[in-house]
């Protein structure tokens, strides 16, 4: 059987002290800062800790929490296929910078998300733009 999702792209991690946790990942672990933004009252940084998904440190996510975010080729088709098997989404679809996204939970309450990457590299491009006033480049 083929797995239902594509690559695990992001681990969306909550924080109660953004600056302290960011320093831990950068200074103590040696993570690479891929991008960082302060926008819409939220602080979010994408960090590369190794091969695999980016860790998204976000002050608007509860801590402790880790939301795995998987890419799918076609979000609408994936949702239809999963619903046919009895799956239920949590809440309405929403947009992330890369594209449409949907959260769901397993029977124990662990949260997951799936998204369609219709805007590949959106955050990396925005971060590389020197005119972007929301990018944080400390």
C-alpha atoms as a PDB file:
ATOM      1  CA  UNK A   1       0.000   0.000   0.000  1.00  0.00           C
ATOM      2  CA  UNK A   2       1.251   3.473  -0.898  1.00  0.00           C
ATOM      3  CA  UNK A   3       1.564   5.925   2.004  1.00  0.00           C
ATOM      4  CA  UNK A   4      -1.216   8.538   1.972  1.00  0.00           C
ATOM      5  CA  UNK A   5       1.072  11.580   2.247  1.00  0.00           C
ATOM      6  CA  UNK A   6       4.236  12.918   0.717  1.00  0.00           C
ATOM      7  CA  UNK A   7       7.215  14.302   2.580  1.00  0.00           C
ATOM      8  CA  UNK A   8       7.107  15.439   6.181  1.00  0.00           C
ATOM      9  CA  UNK A   9       8.026  19.082   5.524  1.00  0.00           C
ATOM     10  CA  UNK A  10       7.644  20.874   8.854  1.00  0.00           C
ATOM     11  CA  UNK A  11       7.572  20.229  12.584  1.00  0.00           C
ATOM     12  CA  UNK A  12       5.559  23.140  13.961  1.00  0.00           C
ATOM     13  CA  UNK A  13       6.746  23.570  17.576  1.00  0.00           C
ATOM     14  CA  UNK A  14       5.249  25.846  20.223  1.00  0.00           C
ATOM     15  CA  UNK A  15       7.201  28.073  22.594  1.00  0.00           C
ATOM     16  CA  UNK A  16       6.469  30.096  25.722  1.00  0.00           C
ATOM     17  CA  UNK A  17       9.709  32.099  25.408  1.00  0.00           C
ATOM     18  CA  UNK A  18      10.585  32.608  21.749  1.00  0.00           C
ATOM     19  CA  UNK A  19      13.939  34.359  22.200  1.00  0.00           C
ATOM     20  CA  UNK A  20      15.181  31.904  24.825  1.00  0.00           C
ATOM     21  CA  UNK A  21      14.157  28.857  22.782  1.00  0.00           C
ATOM     22  CA  UNK A  22      15.535  30.341  19.559  1.00  0.00           C
ATOM     23  CA  UNK A  23      18.893  30.916  21.279  1.00  0.00           C
ATOM     24  CA  UNK A  24      18.859  27.277  22.439  1.00  0.00           C
ATOM     25  CA  UNK A  25      18.383  25.983  18.888  1.00  0.00           C
ATOM     26  CA  UNK A  26      20.884  28.400  17.327  1.00  0.00           C
ATOM     27  CA  UNK A  27      23.600  28.653  19.973  1.00  0.00           C
ATOM     28  CA  UNK A  28      23.482  25.365  21.848  1.00  0.00           C
ATOM     29  CA  UNK A  29      22.379  22.989  19.085  1.00  0.00           C
ATOM     30  CA  UNK A  30      23.943  24.908  16.192  1.00  0.00           C
ATOM     31  CA  UNK A  31      20.796  24.984  14.039  1.00  0.00           C
ATOM     32  CA  UNK A  32      20.770  26.951  10.797  1.00  0.00           C
ATOM     33  CA  UNK A  33      18.238  29.799  10.668  1.00  0.00           C
ATOM     34  CA  UNK A  34      16.501  29.431   7.297  1.00  0.00           C
ATOM     35  CA  UNK A  35      14.137  32.344   7.867  1.00  0.00           C
ATOM     36  CA  UNK A  36      12.517  34.312  10.681  1.00  0.00           C
ATOM     37  CA  UNK A  37       9.548  36.678  10.666  1.00  0.00           C
ATOM     38  CA  UNK A  38       7.614  38.922  13.023  1.00  0.00           C
ATOM     39  CA  UNK A  39       4.197  39.376  11.409  1.00  0.00           C
ATOM     40  CA  UNK A  40       0.533  39.504  12.457  1.00  0.00           C
ATOM     41  CA  UNK A  41       1.556  39.596  16.111  1.00  0.00           C
ATOM     42  CA  UNK A  42       3.454  36.290  15.835  1.00  0.00           C
ATOM     43  CA  UNK A  43       7.114  35.305  15.871  1.00  0.00           C
ATOM     44  CA  UNK A  44       8.085  32.315  13.711  1.00  0.00           C
ATOM     45  CA  UNK A  45      11.499  30.975  12.728  1.00  0.00           C
ATOM     46  CA  UNK A  46      12.363  28.076  10.431  1.00  0.00           C
ATOM     47  CA  UNK A  47      15.377  26.142  11.642  1.00  0.00           C
ATOM     48  CA  UNK A  48      17.343  23.347  10.004  1.00  0.00           C
ATOM     49  CA  UNK A  49      18.593  20.816  12.538  1.00  0.00           C
ATOM     50  CA  UNK A  50      19.569  18.161   9.994  1.00  0.00           C
ATOM     51  CA  UNK A  51      18.167  16.259   7.063  1.00  0.00           C
ATOM     52  CA  UNK A  52      14.402  16.137   6.977  1.00  0.00           C
ATOM     53  CA  UNK A  53      11.713  18.616   7.918  1.00  0.00           C
ATOM     54  CA  UNK A  54      12.314  22.183   9.025  1.00  0.00           C
ATOM     55  CA  UNK A  55      11.499  22.947  12.644  1.00  0.00           C
ATOM     56  CA  UNK A  56       9.121  25.928  12.767  1.00  0.00           C
ATOM     57  CA  UNK A  57       9.425  27.607  16.165  1.00  0.00           C
ATOM     58  CA  UNK A  58       6.266  29.648  16.758  1.00  0.00           C
ATOM     59  CA  UNK A  59       5.091  31.728  19.697  1.00  0.00           C
ATOM     60  CA  UNK A  60       1.441  31.343  18.646  1.00  0.00           C
ATOM     61  CA  UNK A  61       1.530  27.539  19.078  1.00  0.00           C
ATOM     62  CA  UNK A  62       1.005  26.089  22.555  1.00  0.00           C
ATOM     63  CA  UNK A  63       4.052  24.662  24.318  1.00  0.00           C
ATOM     64  CA  UNK A  64       4.832  21.894  24.563  1.00  0.00           C
ATOM     65  CA  UNK A  65       3.444  20.823  21.210  1.00  0.00           C
ATOM     66  CA  UNK A  66       4.701  19.528  17.907  1.00  0.00           C
ATOM     67  CA  UNK A  67       2.474  19.546  14.827  1.00  0.00           C
ATOM     68  CA  UNK A  68       3.876  17.407  11.988  1.00  0.00           C
ATOM     69  CA  UNK A  69       2.971  18.975   8.622  1.00  0.00           C
ATOM     70  CA  UNK A  70       2.961  16.666   5.592  1.00  0.00           C
ATOM     71  CA  UNK A  71       2.882  17.701   1.947  1.00  0.00           C
ATOM     72  CA  UNK A  72       0.280  16.172  -0.374  1.00  0.00           C
ATOM     73  CA  UNK A  73       0.055  16.486  -4.154  1.00  0.00           C
ATOM     74  CA  UNK A  74      -3.601  17.567  -4.179  1.00  0.00           C
ATOM     75  CA  UNK A  75      -5.183  18.648  -0.893  1.00  0.00           C
ATOM     76  CA  UNK A  76      -8.774  18.433  -2.144  1.00  0.00           C
ATOM     77  CA  UNK A  77      -8.337  14.947  -3.587  1.00  0.00           C
ATOM     78  CA  UNK A  78      -6.522  13.735  -0.466  1.00  0.00           C
ATOM     79  CA  UNK A  79      -9.296  15.033   1.786  1.00  0.00           C
ATOM     80  CA  UNK A  80     -11.953  13.334  -0.379  1.00  0.00           C
ATOM     81  CA  UNK A  81     -10.048  10.019  -0.294  1.00  0.00           C
ATOM     82  CA  UNK A  82      -9.550  10.187   3.473  1.00  0.00           C
ATOM     83  CA  UNK A  83     -13.185  11.145   4.132  1.00  0.00           C
ATOM     84  CA  UNK A  84     -14.268   8.080   2.147  1.00  0.00           C
ATOM     85  CA  UNK A  85     -12.397   6.024   4.776  1.00  0.00           C
ATOM     86  CA  UNK A  86     -14.143   7.740   7.695  1.00  0.00           C
ATOM     87  CA  UNK A  87     -11.482  10.373   8.414  1.00  0.00           C
ATOM     88  CA  UNK A  88     -12.605  13.746   9.792  1.00  0.00           C
ATOM     89  CA  UNK A  89     -10.733  17.055   9.534  1.00  0.00           C
ATOM     90  CA  UNK A  90     -10.437  19.515  12.421  1.00  0.00           C
ATOM     91  CA  UNK A  91     -11.894  22.891  11.600  1.00  0.00           C
ATOM     92  CA  UNK A  92     -11.890  24.555   8.210  1.00  0.00           C
ATOM     93  CA  UNK A  93      -9.119  24.604   5.649  1.00  0.00           C
ATOM     94  CA  UNK A  94      -6.777  27.567   5.987  1.00  0.00           C
ATOM     95  CA  UNK A  95      -3.780  29.033   4.196  1.00  0.00           C
ATOM     96  CA  UNK A  96      -0.132  28.854   5.158  1.00  0.00           C
ATOM     97  CA  UNK A  97       2.469  30.701   3.083  1.00  0.00           C
ATOM     98  CA  UNK A  98       3.057  27.606   0.916  1.00  0.00           C
ATOM     99  CA  UNK A  99      -0.628  26.896   0.233  1.00  0.00           C
ATOM    100  CA  UNK A 100      -3.888  25.430   1.544  1.00  0.00           C
ATOM    101  CA  UNK A 101      -3.684  23.379   4.726  1.00  0.00           C
ATOM    102  CA  UNK A 102      -5.928  21.152   6.835  1.00  0.00           C
ATOM    103  CA  UNK A 103      -5.443  19.869  10.384  1.00  0.00           C
ATOM    104  CA  UNK A 104      -6.743  16.649  11.870  1.00  0.00           C
ATOM    105  CA  UNK A 105      -6.178  14.508  14.934  1.00  0.00           C
ATOM    106  CA  UNK A 106      -5.726  10.815  15.542  1.00  0.00           C
ATOM    107  CA  UNK A 107      -8.023   9.024  18.019  1.00  0.00           C
ATOM    108  CA  UNK A 108      -5.695   9.935  20.916  1.00  0.00           C
ATOM    109  CA  UNK A 109      -5.810  13.636  20.041  1.00  0.00           C
ATOM    110  CA  UNK A 110      -2.369  13.993  18.428  1.00  0.00           C
ATOM    111  CA  UNK A 111      -2.590  16.740  15.839  1.00  0.00           C
ATOM    112  CA  UNK A 112      -1.290  16.581  12.281  1.00  0.00           C
ATOM    113  CA  UNK A 113      -1.611  18.779   9.205  1.00  0.00           C
ATOM    114  CA  UNK A 114      -1.512  18.231   5.463  1.00  0.00           C
ATOM    115  CA  UNK A 115      -0.915  20.942   2.869  1.00  0.00           C
ATOM    116  CA  UNK A 116      -0.535  21.417  -0.868  1.00  0.00           C
ATOM    117  CA  UNK A 117       2.621  23.317  -1.839  1.00  0.00           C
ATOM    118  CA  UNK A 118       1.182  25.718  -4.413  1.00  0.00           C
ATOM    119  CA  UNK A 119       3.723  28.443  -3.511  1.00  0.00           C
ATOM    120  CA  UNK A 120       7.055  26.594  -3.153  1.00  0.00           C
ATOM    121  CA  UNK A 121       9.769  28.603  -1.440  1.00  0.00           C
ATOM    122  CA  UNK A 122       7.378  31.405  -0.463  1.00  0.00           C
ATOM    123  CA  UNK A 123       9.017  32.062   2.908  1.00  0.00           C
ATOM    124  CA  UNK A 124      12.578  31.650   1.675  1.00  0.00           C
ATOM    125  CA  UNK A 125      11.877  34.165  -1.109  1.00  0.00           C
ATOM    126  CA  UNK A 126      10.263  36.634   1.279  1.00  0.00           C
ATOM    127  CA  UNK A 127      13.199  36.289   3.680  1.00  0.00           C
ATOM    128  CA  UNK A 128      15.727  36.880   0.887  1.00  0.00           C
ATOM    129  CA  UNK A 129      13.959  40.116  -0.123  1.00  0.00           C
ATOM    130  CA  UNK A 130      15.941  42.940   1.542  1.00  0.00           C
ATOM    131  CA  UNK A 131      12.853  45.191   1.343  1.00  0.00           C
ATOM    132  CA  UNK A 132      10.746  42.843   3.494  1.00  0.00           C
ATOM    133  CA  UNK A 133      10.302  44.736   6.750  1.00  0.00           C
ATOM    134  CA  UNK A 134       8.873  41.700   8.576  1.00  0.00           C
ATOM    135  CA  UNK A 135      11.980  39.559   8.133  1.00  0.00           C
ATOM    136  CA  UNK A 136      14.140  39.330  11.265  1.00  0.00           C
ATOM    137  CA  UNK A 137      17.847  39.059  10.457  1.00  0.00           C
ATOM    138  CA  UNK A 138      19.665  39.175  13.810  1.00  0.00           C
END
